[in-house]
Amino acid sequence: MKLTKILPITIFTVALFMMMPNHADAQARGNGGNLGLGVMLGEPTGISVKSWNNDRSAFDLGAAWSFAGSNDAIHLHGDYLLHSWFNDVKQGDLAFYYGIGARVILSDPDAYLGVRVPFGLNYIIQDSRVDIFAEVVPILNLTPNTDFDGNGALGIRYYF
């Protein structure tokens, strides 16, 4: 396996373990813990992990399959997210979120690196350990060419 593929996977794995909070006050607004694991469907489609730092901020990671372009590819991303909660939701909790992150797409013959700016809605279902989300993500690709791209996904996560 080429170094261009091994290095991003290693960085992604280390980042996943660094995301795990080490203090008790980092709790999601729902009944579950602060670490959520689930799936996202769209571009890309795959696994979603979210770790809450506190009531307002979280880290989000994705390991997925990208179907965009002519080649199927592995898509890895990591984002830092800030949440603004809606006060007038009758059941559950709803937040608008925004943030910044990075994306790596591993495909032959090229690897792509870009800056992500996610925007989305996150709904935590009342009296459960589940949240659902929808997001759109403008992306500035930095390599192999500088250009604009985008992602979008719907997803669901269970919190531990």
N, C-alpha and C. Protein backbone atom coordinates (compact mmCIF):
# COMPACT_ATOMS: atom_id res chain seq x y z
N MET A 1 0.85 -1.17 0.00
CA MET A 1 0.00 0.00 0.00
C MET A 1 0.89 1.24 0.00
N LYS A 2 0.55 2.22 -0.78
CA LYS A 2 1.35 3.43 -0.88
C LYS A 2 1.28 4.24 0.40
N LEU A 3 2.34 4.99 0.66
CA LEU A 3 2.41 5.87 1.82
C LEU A 3 1.29 6.91 1.79
N THR A 4 0.88 7.33 0.60
CA THR A 4 -0.20 8.33 0.49
C THR A 4 -1.53 7.79 0.99
N LYS A 5 -1.67 6.46 1.07
CA LYS A 5 -2.89 5.86 1.60
C LYS A 5 -2.74 5.49 3.08
N ILE A 6 -1.57 5.06 3.49
CA ILE A 6 -1.35 4.64 4.87
C ILE A 6 -1.37 5.82 5.82
N LEU A 7 -0.74 6.93 5.47
CA LEU A 7 -0.64 8.09 6.34
C LEU A 7 -2.01 8.67 6.72
N PRO A 8 -2.92 8.93 5.78
CA PRO A 8 -4.23 9.46 6.18
C PRO A 8 -5.03 8.49 7.03
N ILE A 9 -4.94 7.21 6.78
CA ILE A 9 -5.67 6.23 7.59
C ILE A 9 -5.12 6.22 9.01
N THR A 10 -3.81 6.31 9.16
CA THR A 10 -3.19 6.37 10.48
C THR A 10 -3.61 7.63 11.23
N ILE A 11 -3.58 8.77 10.57
CA ILE A 11 -3.99 10.03 11.19
C ILE A 11 -5.45 9.95 11.61
N PHE A 12 -6.31 9.39 10.78
CA PHE A 12 -7.73 9.25 11.09
C PHE A 12 -7.93 8.38 12.33
N THR A 13 -7.21 7.27 12.44
CA THR A 13 -7.34 6.38 13.58
C THR A 13 -6.89 7.05 14.87
N VAL A 14 -5.76 7.74 14.82
CA VAL A 14 -5.27 8.45 16.00
C VAL A 14 -6.26 9.53 16.41
N ALA A 15 -6.80 10.27 15.46
CA ALA A 15 -7.78 11.32 15.76
C ALA A 15 -9.03 10.73 16.41
N LEU A 16 -9.46 9.56 16.00
CA LEU A 16 -10.63 8.91 16.60
C LEU A 16 -10.40 8.67 18.09
N PHE A 17 -9.24 8.16 18.45
CA PHE A 17 -8.96 7.91 19.85
C PHE A 17 -8.75 9.20 20.65
N MET A 18 -8.22 10.23 20.01
CA MET A 18 -8.04 11.51 20.70
C MET A 18 -9.38 12.20 20.95
N MET A 19 -10.40 11.89 20.16
CA MET A 19 -11.71 12.51 20.31
C MET A 19 -12.42 12.07 21.57
N MET A 20 -12.08 10.92 22.09
CA MET A 20 -12.81 10.40 23.24
C MET A 20 -12.57 11.28 24.45
N PRO A 21 -13.64 11.90 24.98
CA PRO A 21 -13.49 12.84 26.08
C PRO A 21 -13.01 12.14 27.34
N ASN A 22 -12.32 12.90 28.18
CA ASN A 22 -11.82 12.34 29.42
C ASN A 22 -12.40 13.03 30.64
N HIS A 23 -13.49 13.75 30.46
CA HIS A 23 -14.12 14.40 31.60
C HIS A 23 -15.62 14.21 31.57
N ALA A 24 -16.22 14.13 32.77
CA ALA A 24 -17.62 13.75 32.91
C ALA A 24 -18.59 14.80 32.41
N ASP A 25 -18.19 16.07 32.32
CA ASP A 25 -19.14 17.10 31.91
C ASP A 25 -19.35 17.15 30.41
N ALA A 26 -18.60 16.38 29.64
CA ALA A 26 -18.81 16.32 28.20
C ALA A 26 -19.92 15.33 27.91
N GLN A 27 -21.14 15.80 27.96
CA GLN A 27 -22.31 14.94 27.83
C GLN A 27 -23.24 15.49 26.75
N ALA A 28 -23.70 14.64 25.87
CA ALA A 28 -24.68 15.06 24.88
C ALA A 28 -25.96 15.47 25.58
N ARG A 29 -26.79 16.23 24.91
CA ARG A 29 -28.03 16.71 25.52
C ARG A 29 -29.04 15.59 25.72
N GLY A 30 -28.87 14.46 25.05
CA GLY A 30 -29.81 13.35 25.19
C GLY A 30 -29.52 12.50 26.40
N ASN A 31 -30.13 11.32 26.46
CA ASN A 31 -29.96 10.41 27.59
C ASN A 31 -28.70 9.56 27.49
N GLY A 32 -28.08 9.53 26.34
CA GLY A 32 -26.92 8.69 26.17
C GLY A 32 -25.65 9.35 26.64
N GLY A 33 -24.53 8.75 26.29
CA GLY A 33 -23.24 9.31 26.65
C GLY A 33 -22.82 10.37 25.66
N ASN A 34 -21.53 10.59 25.56
CA ASN A 34 -21.04 11.65 24.70
C ASN A 34 -20.42 11.15 23.41
N LEU A 35 -20.38 9.84 23.18
CA LEU A 35 -19.81 9.28 21.97
C LEU A 35 -20.90 8.57 21.17
N GLY A 36 -21.14 9.07 19.96
CA GLY A 36 -22.16 8.49 19.10
C GLY A 36 -21.55 7.79 17.90
N LEU A 37 -22.14 6.67 17.51
CA LEU A 37 -21.69 5.89 16.37
C LEU A 37 -22.90 5.57 15.51
N GLY A 38 -22.77 5.79 14.20
CA GLY A 38 -23.90 5.53 13.32
C GLY A 38 -23.50 5.50 11.87
N VAL A 39 -24.50 5.74 11.01
CA VAL A 39 -24.29 5.71 9.57
C VAL A 39 -24.74 7.03 8.96
N MET A 40 -24.12 7.34 7.82
CA MET A 40 -24.54 8.49 7.02
C MET A 40 -24.77 8.00 5.59
N LEU A 41 -25.82 8.52 4.98
CA LEU A 41 -26.18 8.16 3.62
C LEU A 41 -26.16 9.40 2.75
N GLY A 42 -25.54 9.29 1.60
CA GLY A 42 -25.43 10.43 0.69
C GLY A 42 -24.09 10.37 -0.01
N GLU A 43 -23.47 11.51 -0.14
CA GLU A 43 -22.12 11.58 -0.69
C GLU A 43 -21.23 12.23 0.35
N PRO A 44 -20.52 11.44 1.12
CA PRO A 44 -20.26 10.01 1.03
C PRO A 44 -21.26 9.18 1.84
N THR A 45 -21.19 7.86 1.70
CA THR A 45 -22.00 6.92 2.46
C THR A 45 -21.07 6.05 3.30
N GLY A 46 -21.33 6.02 4.62
CA GLY A 46 -20.46 5.22 5.48
C GLY A 46 -20.76 5.40 6.95
N ILE A 47 -19.70 5.37 7.76
CA ILE A 47 -19.79 5.41 9.22
C ILE A 47 -19.57 6.84 9.71
N SER A 48 -20.37 7.22 10.71
CA SER A 48 -20.25 8.54 11.33
C SER A 48 -20.00 8.37 12.82
N VAL A 49 -19.03 9.13 13.35
CA VAL A 49 -18.71 9.12 14.78
C VAL A 49 -18.76 10.57 15.25
N LYS A 50 -19.43 10.80 16.39
CA LYS A 50 -19.49 12.15 16.96
C LYS A 50 -19.16 12.08 18.43
N SER A 51 -18.30 12.99 18.87
CA SER A 51 -17.90 13.06 20.27
C SER A 51 -18.12 14.48 20.77
N TRP A 52 -18.99 14.61 21.78
CA TRP A 52 -19.31 15.91 22.35
C TRP A 52 -18.22 16.35 23.31
N ASN A 53 -17.77 17.58 23.20
CA ASN A 53 -16.82 18.18 24.14
C ASN A 53 -17.58 18.82 25.30
N ASN A 54 -18.68 19.44 24.98
CA ASN A 54 -19.57 20.07 25.95
C ASN A 54 -20.92 20.26 25.27
N ASP A 55 -21.80 21.04 25.84
CA ASP A 55 -23.15 21.22 25.31
C ASP A 55 -23.17 21.92 23.95
N ARG A 56 -22.10 22.59 23.59
CA ARG A 56 -22.08 23.40 22.38
C ARG A 56 -21.13 22.91 21.30
N SER A 57 -20.06 22.20 21.66
CA SER A 57 -19.08 21.81 20.64
C SER A 57 -18.87 20.29 20.60
N ALA A 58 -18.46 19.83 19.42
CA ALA A 58 -18.23 18.39 19.22
C ALA A 58 -17.24 18.18 18.09
N PHE A 59 -16.66 17.00 18.07
CA PHE A 59 -15.85 16.55 16.95
C PHE A 59 -16.65 15.49 16.20
N ASP A 60 -16.52 15.49 14.89
CA ASP A 60 -17.23 14.55 14.03
C ASP A 60 -16.22 13.91 13.09
N LEU A 61 -16.27 12.60 12.96
CA LEU A 61 -15.42 11.87 12.01
C LEU A 61 -16.29 11.03 11.10
N GLY A 62 -15.84 10.87 9.88
CA GLY A 62 -16.53 10.01 8.94
C GLY A 62 -15.53 9.13 8.20
N ALA A 63 -15.88 7.87 8.04
CA ALA A 63 -15.12 6.93 7.22
C ALA A 63 -16.13 6.33 6.26
N ALA A 64 -15.97 6.62 4.99
CA ALA A 64 -17.05 6.31 4.06
C ALA A 64 -16.51 5.96 2.68
N TRP A 65 -17.46 5.64 1.82
CA TRP A 65 -17.17 5.34 0.44
C TRP A 65 -17.73 6.47 -0.40
N SER A 66 -16.89 7.04 -1.26
CA SER A 66 -17.31 8.13 -2.12
C SER A 66 -17.57 7.60 -3.52
N PHE A 67 -18.72 7.92 -4.07
CA PHE A 67 -19.08 7.47 -5.41
C PHE A 67 -18.95 8.59 -6.44
N ALA A 68 -18.50 9.77 -6.01
CA ALA A 68 -18.37 10.90 -6.93
C ALA A 68 -17.19 10.68 -7.87
N GLY A 69 -17.29 11.25 -9.04
CA GLY A 69 -16.20 11.12 -10.01
C GLY A 69 -16.24 9.79 -10.72
N SER A 70 -15.19 9.53 -11.45
CA SER A 70 -15.15 8.30 -12.25
C SER A 70 -14.67 7.09 -11.45
N ASN A 71 -13.96 7.33 -10.34
CA ASN A 71 -13.43 6.22 -9.54
C ASN A 71 -14.10 6.17 -8.18
N ASP A 72 -14.46 4.96 -7.74
CA ASP A 72 -14.91 4.80 -6.36
C ASP A 72 -13.71 5.03 -5.45
N ALA A 73 -13.97 5.58 -4.26
CA ALA A 73 -12.84 5.95 -3.42
C ALA A 73 -13.21 5.90 -1.94
N ILE A 74 -12.19 5.78 -1.09
CA ILE A 74 -12.36 5.87 0.36
C ILE A 74 -12.33 7.34 0.74
N HIS A 75 -13.29 7.74 1.55
CA HIS A 75 -13.44 9.14 1.99
C HIS A 75 -13.28 9.18 3.51
N LEU A 76 -12.36 9.99 4.01
CA LEU A 76 -12.17 10.20 5.45
C LEU A 76 -12.31 11.69 5.74
N HIS A 77 -13.06 12.03 6.78
CA HIS A 77 -13.14 13.44 7.16
C HIS A 77 -13.22 13.60 8.66
N GLY A 78 -12.83 14.77 9.12
CA GLY A 78 -12.91 15.14 10.52
C GLY A 78 -13.28 16.61 10.63
N ASP A 79 -14.24 16.93 11.51
CA ASP A 79 -14.73 18.30 11.65
C ASP A 79 -14.80 18.70 13.11
N TYR A 80 -14.61 19.98 13.37
CA TYR A 80 -14.91 20.57 14.66
C TYR A 80 -16.21 21.34 14.47
N LEU A 81 -17.24 21.05 15.30
CA LEU A 81 -18.57 21.61 15.11
C LEU A 81 -19.01 22.44 16.31
N LEU A 82 -19.72 23.53 16.03
CA LEU A 82 -20.37 24.35 17.05
C LEU A 82 -21.87 24.27 16.84
N HIS A 83 -22.63 24.19 17.94
CA HIS A 83 -24.08 24.00 17.88
C HIS A 83 -24.82 25.18 18.50
N SER A 84 -25.87 25.62 17.82
CA SER A 84 -26.79 26.63 18.35
C SER A 84 -28.14 25.96 18.52
N TRP A 85 -28.61 25.86 19.76
CA TRP A 85 -29.82 25.10 20.07
C TRP A 85 -31.06 25.96 19.92
N PHE A 86 -32.11 25.37 19.35
CA PHE A 86 -33.42 26.02 19.25
C PHE A 86 -34.14 25.84 20.58
N ASN A 87 -34.73 26.90 21.10
CA ASN A 87 -35.38 26.85 22.41
C ASN A 87 -36.83 26.39 22.38
N ASP A 88 -37.50 26.53 21.26
CA ASP A 88 -38.94 26.28 21.22
C ASP A 88 -39.32 24.91 20.64
N VAL A 89 -38.47 23.90 20.79
CA VAL A 89 -38.77 22.55 20.32
C VAL A 89 -39.54 21.84 21.43
N LYS A 90 -40.73 21.30 21.11
CA LYS A 90 -41.61 20.69 22.12
C LYS A 90 -41.06 19.37 22.65
N GLN A 91 -40.53 18.52 21.76
CA GLN A 91 -39.98 17.23 22.18
C GLN A 91 -38.59 17.07 21.59
N GLY A 92 -37.65 16.60 22.38
CA GLY A 92 -36.30 16.41 21.91
C GLY A 92 -35.54 17.73 21.88
N ASP A 93 -34.35 17.70 21.28
CA ASP A 93 -33.50 18.87 21.16
C ASP A 93 -33.05 19.01 19.71
N LEU A 94 -33.10 20.23 19.20
CA LEU A 94 -32.73 20.50 17.81
C LEU A 94 -31.68 21.60 17.79
N ALA A 95 -30.63 21.38 17.02
CA ALA A 95 -29.56 22.37 16.90
C ALA A 95 -29.19 22.58 15.44
N PHE A 96 -28.85 23.82 15.12
CA PHE A 96 -28.17 24.15 13.88
C PHE A 96 -26.69 24.06 14.20
N TYR A 97 -25.91 23.41 13.33
CA TYR A 97 -24.47 23.35 13.58
C TYR A 97 -23.69 23.80 12.36
N TYR A 98 -22.48 24.24 12.64
CA TYR A 98 -21.55 24.69 11.61
C TYR A 98 -20.14 24.42 12.12
N GLY A 99 -19.19 24.37 11.21
CA GLY A 99 -17.84 24.08 11.67
C GLY A 99 -16.82 24.14 10.56
N ILE A 100 -15.68 23.55 10.85
CA ILE A 100 -14.58 23.48 9.88
C ILE A 100 -13.87 22.15 10.07
N GLY A 101 -13.35 21.62 8.96
CA GLY A 101 -12.68 20.34 9.04
C GLY A 101 -11.85 20.06 7.81
N ALA A 102 -11.44 18.81 7.69
CA ALA A 102 -10.61 18.38 6.57
C ALA A 102 -11.16 17.09 5.99
N ARG A 103 -10.85 16.88 4.73
CA ARG A 103 -11.29 15.68 4.03
C ARG A 103 -10.13 15.12 3.22
N VAL A 104 -10.04 13.80 3.20
CA VAL A 104 -9.08 13.09 2.36
C VAL A 104 -9.86 12.06 1.57
N ILE A 105 -9.64 12.03 0.26
CA ILE A 105 -10.22 10.98 -0.59
C ILE A 105 -9.06 10.18 -1.16
N LEU A 106 -9.10 8.88 -0.94
CA LEU A 106 -8.05 7.99 -1.42
C LEU A 106 -8.58 7.21 -2.61
N SER A 107 -8.07 7.53 -3.79
CA SER A 107 -8.48 6.83 -5.00
C SER A 107 -7.27 6.70 -5.92
N ASP A 108 -7.34 5.76 -6.82
CA ASP A 108 -6.25 5.62 -7.79
C ASP A 108 -6.57 6.47 -9.00
N PRO A 109 -5.68 7.21 -9.53
CA PRO A 109 -4.28 7.33 -9.16
C PRO A 109 -4.00 8.48 -8.19
N ASP A 110 -5.00 9.29 -7.86
CA ASP A 110 -4.77 10.50 -7.06
C ASP A 110 -5.36 10.39 -5.67
N ALA A 111 -4.81 11.17 -4.76
CA ALA A 111 -5.41 11.39 -3.45
C ALA A 111 -5.84 12.85 -3.41
N TYR A 112 -6.98 13.11 -2.79
CA TYR A 112 -7.52 14.47 -2.73
C TYR A 112 -7.53 14.93 -1.28
N LEU A 113 -7.14 16.18 -1.06
CA LEU A 113 -7.16 16.78 0.26
C LEU A 113 -7.93 18.08 0.15
N GLY A 114 -8.85 18.30 1.11
CA GLY A 114 -9.66 19.51 1.05
C GLY A 114 -10.08 20.01 2.41
N VAL A 115 -10.55 21.25 2.44
CA VAL A 115 -11.07 21.89 3.64
C VAL A 115 -12.59 21.84 3.57
N ARG A 116 -13.23 21.32 4.65
CA ARG A 116 -14.69 21.20 4.73
C ARG A 116 -15.26 22.31 5.60
N VAL A 117 -16.46 22.80 5.24
CA VAL A 117 -17.19 23.77 6.05
C VAL A 117 -18.63 23.24 6.17
N PRO A 118 -18.87 22.36 7.17
CA PRO A 118 -20.19 21.73 7.29
C PRO A 118 -21.23 22.66 7.92
N PHE A 119 -22.47 22.53 7.43
CA PHE A 119 -23.66 23.18 7.97
C PHE A 119 -24.73 22.12 8.08
N GLY A 120 -25.45 22.06 9.20
CA GLY A 120 -26.47 21.03 9.30
C GLY A 120 -27.42 21.23 10.45
N LEU A 121 -28.35 20.28 10.56
CA LEU A 121 -29.31 20.22 11.65
C LEU A 121 -29.11 18.89 12.36
N ASN A 122 -29.14 18.93 13.69
CA ASN A 122 -28.96 17.75 14.52
C ASN A 122 -30.15 17.68 15.48
N TYR A 123 -30.91 16.58 15.43
CA TYR A 123 -32.07 16.40 16.30
C TYR A 123 -31.81 15.21 17.22
N ILE A 124 -31.85 15.47 18.53
CA ILE A 124 -31.70 14.41 19.53
C ILE A 124 -33.10 14.00 19.96
N ILE A 125 -33.44 12.75 19.71
CA ILE A 125 -34.77 12.24 20.01
C ILE A 125 -34.96 12.17 21.52
N GLN A 126 -36.10 12.70 21.96
CA GLN A 126 -36.40 12.76 23.40
C GLN A 126 -36.42 11.37 24.03
N ASP A 127 -35.86 11.25 25.23
CA ASP A 127 -35.84 10.00 26.02
C ASP A 127 -35.23 8.84 25.26
N SER A 128 -34.20 9.13 24.45
CA SER A 128 -33.51 8.05 23.74
C SER A 128 -32.02 8.36 23.66
N ARG A 129 -31.27 7.43 23.14
CA ARG A 129 -29.84 7.61 22.93
C ARG A 129 -29.53 7.81 21.45
N VAL A 130 -30.48 8.33 20.71
CA VAL A 130 -30.37 8.42 19.25
C VAL A 130 -30.49 9.87 18.80
N ASP A 131 -29.66 10.23 17.80
CA ASP A 131 -29.85 11.51 17.12
C ASP A 131 -29.88 11.26 15.62
N ILE A 132 -30.50 12.19 14.91
CA ILE A 132 -30.51 12.16 13.45
C ILE A 132 -29.96 13.50 12.97
N PHE A 133 -29.36 13.49 11.79
CA PHE A 133 -28.78 14.72 11.28
C PHE A 133 -28.90 14.79 9.77
N ALA A 134 -28.84 16.03 9.27
CA ALA A 134 -28.78 16.32 7.85
C ALA A 134 -27.76 17.43 7.68
N GLU A 135 -26.87 17.28 6.70
CA GLU A 135 -25.85 18.30 6.51
C GLU A 135 -25.51 18.52 5.05
N VAL A 136 -25.06 19.73 4.75
CA VAL A 136 -24.47 20.09 3.47
C VAL A 136 -23.08 20.64 3.77
N VAL A 137 -22.13 20.32 2.88
CA VAL A 137 -20.74 20.66 3.19
C VAL A 137 -20.04 21.19 1.94
N PRO A 138 -19.86 22.51 1.84
CA PRO A 138 -18.98 23.03 0.79
C PRO A 138 -17.54 22.63 1.10
N ILE A 139 -16.78 22.34 0.04
CA ILE A 139 -15.40 21.88 0.21
C ILE A 139 -14.49 22.63 -0.76
N LEU A 140 -13.35 23.07 -0.25
CA LEU A 140 -12.30 23.62 -1.08
C LEU A 140 -11.21 22.56 -1.20
N ASN A 141 -11.09 21.96 -2.39
CA ASN A 141 -10.04 20.98 -2.63
C ASN A 141 -8.71 21.70 -2.79
N LEU A 142 -7.68 21.17 -2.13
CA LEU A 142 -6.35 21.76 -2.21
C LEU A 142 -5.42 20.96 -3.11
N THR A 143 -5.62 19.64 -3.17
CA THR A 143 -4.81 18.78 -4.04
C THR A 143 -5.73 17.77 -4.71
N PRO A 144 -5.45 17.22 -5.84
CA PRO A 144 -4.34 17.55 -6.72
C PRO A 144 -4.54 18.87 -7.46
N ASN A 145 -5.78 19.38 -7.50
CA ASN A 145 -6.07 20.68 -8.10
C ASN A 145 -6.87 21.51 -7.10
N THR A 146 -6.76 22.81 -7.18
CA THR A 146 -7.56 23.68 -6.33
C THR A 146 -8.89 23.94 -7.03
N ASP A 147 -9.96 23.46 -6.41
CA ASP A 147 -11.30 23.69 -6.94
C ASP A 147 -12.32 23.47 -5.83
N PHE A 148 -13.60 23.72 -6.15
CA PHE A 148 -14.67 23.58 -5.16
C PHE A 148 -15.43 22.29 -5.40
N ASP A 149 -15.94 21.74 -4.31
CA ASP A 149 -16.68 20.49 -4.34
C ASP A 149 -17.74 20.57 -3.25
N GLY A 150 -18.50 19.51 -3.06
CA GLY A 150 -19.50 19.51 -2.01
C GLY A 150 -19.89 18.11 -1.60
N ASN A 151 -20.36 17.99 -0.36
CA ASN A 151 -20.90 16.75 0.18
C ASN A 151 -22.26 17.04 0.78
N GLY A 152 -23.03 16.00 0.98
CA GLY A 152 -24.30 16.10 1.67
C GLY A 152 -24.70 14.73 2.18
N ALA A 153 -25.29 14.70 3.38
CA ALA A 153 -25.64 13.40 3.95
C ALA A 153 -26.79 13.53 4.94
N LEU A 154 -27.51 12.42 5.09
CA LEU A 154 -28.48 12.21 6.16
C LEU A 154 -27.92 11.09 7.01
N GLY A 155 -28.13 11.17 8.33
CA GLY A 155 -27.55 10.12 9.16
C GLY A 155 -28.26 9.93 10.47
N ILE A 156 -27.86 8.86 11.15
CA ILE A 156 -28.41 8.51 12.46
C ILE A 156 -27.26 7.94 13.29
N ARG A 157 -27.25 8.28 14.62
CA ARG A 157 -26.21 7.79 15.52
C ARG A 157 -26.83 7.34 16.82
N TYR A 158 -26.18 6.35 17.44
CA TYR A 158 -26.55 5.86 18.77
C TYR A 158 -25.44 6.27 19.72
N TYR A 159 -25.80 6.79 20.92
CA TYR A 159 -24.81 7.30 21.88
C TYR A 159 -24.55 6.31 23.00
N PHE A 160 -23.28 6.16 23.32
CA PHE A 160 -22.82 5.25 24.38
C PHE A 160 -22.42 6.03 25.60
